[in-house]
């Protein structure tokens, strides 16, 4: 019978890369790679404006963005979790002609590797946990993370013919919260049910600041709009629990939970203001 154990193997870059690649939906990994490979020759797509093409993207724009990312924990968070993923959404307004970007951002993170074994005192010498039915429990641990923030940034054009494609830099501030989820689908562990679960999840929350640097493309006809880049987050948090069953004490430390995410998103324009009416020949 398969038993759950907490891995103590030191994480390596290859291990983290394999976790991101295999857990990601099959269609998404090659799609993200394709986007990254497009950057070297993206300039050729924007270098010349087709004859008679009106610049429909030269106006204030409101975007709804969906994004997906590979996430690497740093700082105190790396002591608790391994590499994972995040999915999220953004609502952004982009000005014209200065390309200022204001937005709100929400993310949901998850990972399958938990380094802190909060169930260790329930395990026998073989690492097994006997459930309420006297069978070996199949429970395992997972990471969960949520964040929300407001962002401000600017896009710096790279191509004279398309002022909406170029380097994007933005800053954000908000909150971040993470916890350890005891996944017990068979409900075999009475010890983690109900209010008792609060003694195991190590719920932590705090203030978040972040920085993003990447490339954004808004096509002249507003039909192909995406971005990709690196997002670094720093969360200054503390445990929200008054007691931890595993350590038999309260965790009152101030934590620095950092994340390095490689994010790509698709941008859907919901509204555009009045822009240029010039037609270029």
Foldseek 3Di string as FASTA:
>chain_A
DDADAADPDDDDPVNLVVQVQVVDPVVVVVVVVVVVVCVVVVCVVQQDDDAQFAQPVQFKFKKKKKKKWWKAKDFPVNQFFGIWMKIWIKIWIFHPPFGKIKIKIKMKIKDQHTNDDLCVVQADPVRFHQFPVRDTFHKGKMKIKIWIWIKIWGACDDYPRHSAKHKIKMKIKGKMKMWMDTDRPVPRHPCCDDPNVLQRTQIKMFIKMKMWIWIWDQDSVRPFTKIWTKMKMWGFIAGPDQAHPRVGGGGGDTTTMMMIITMMMTIHTPDTDDGDPDTHD
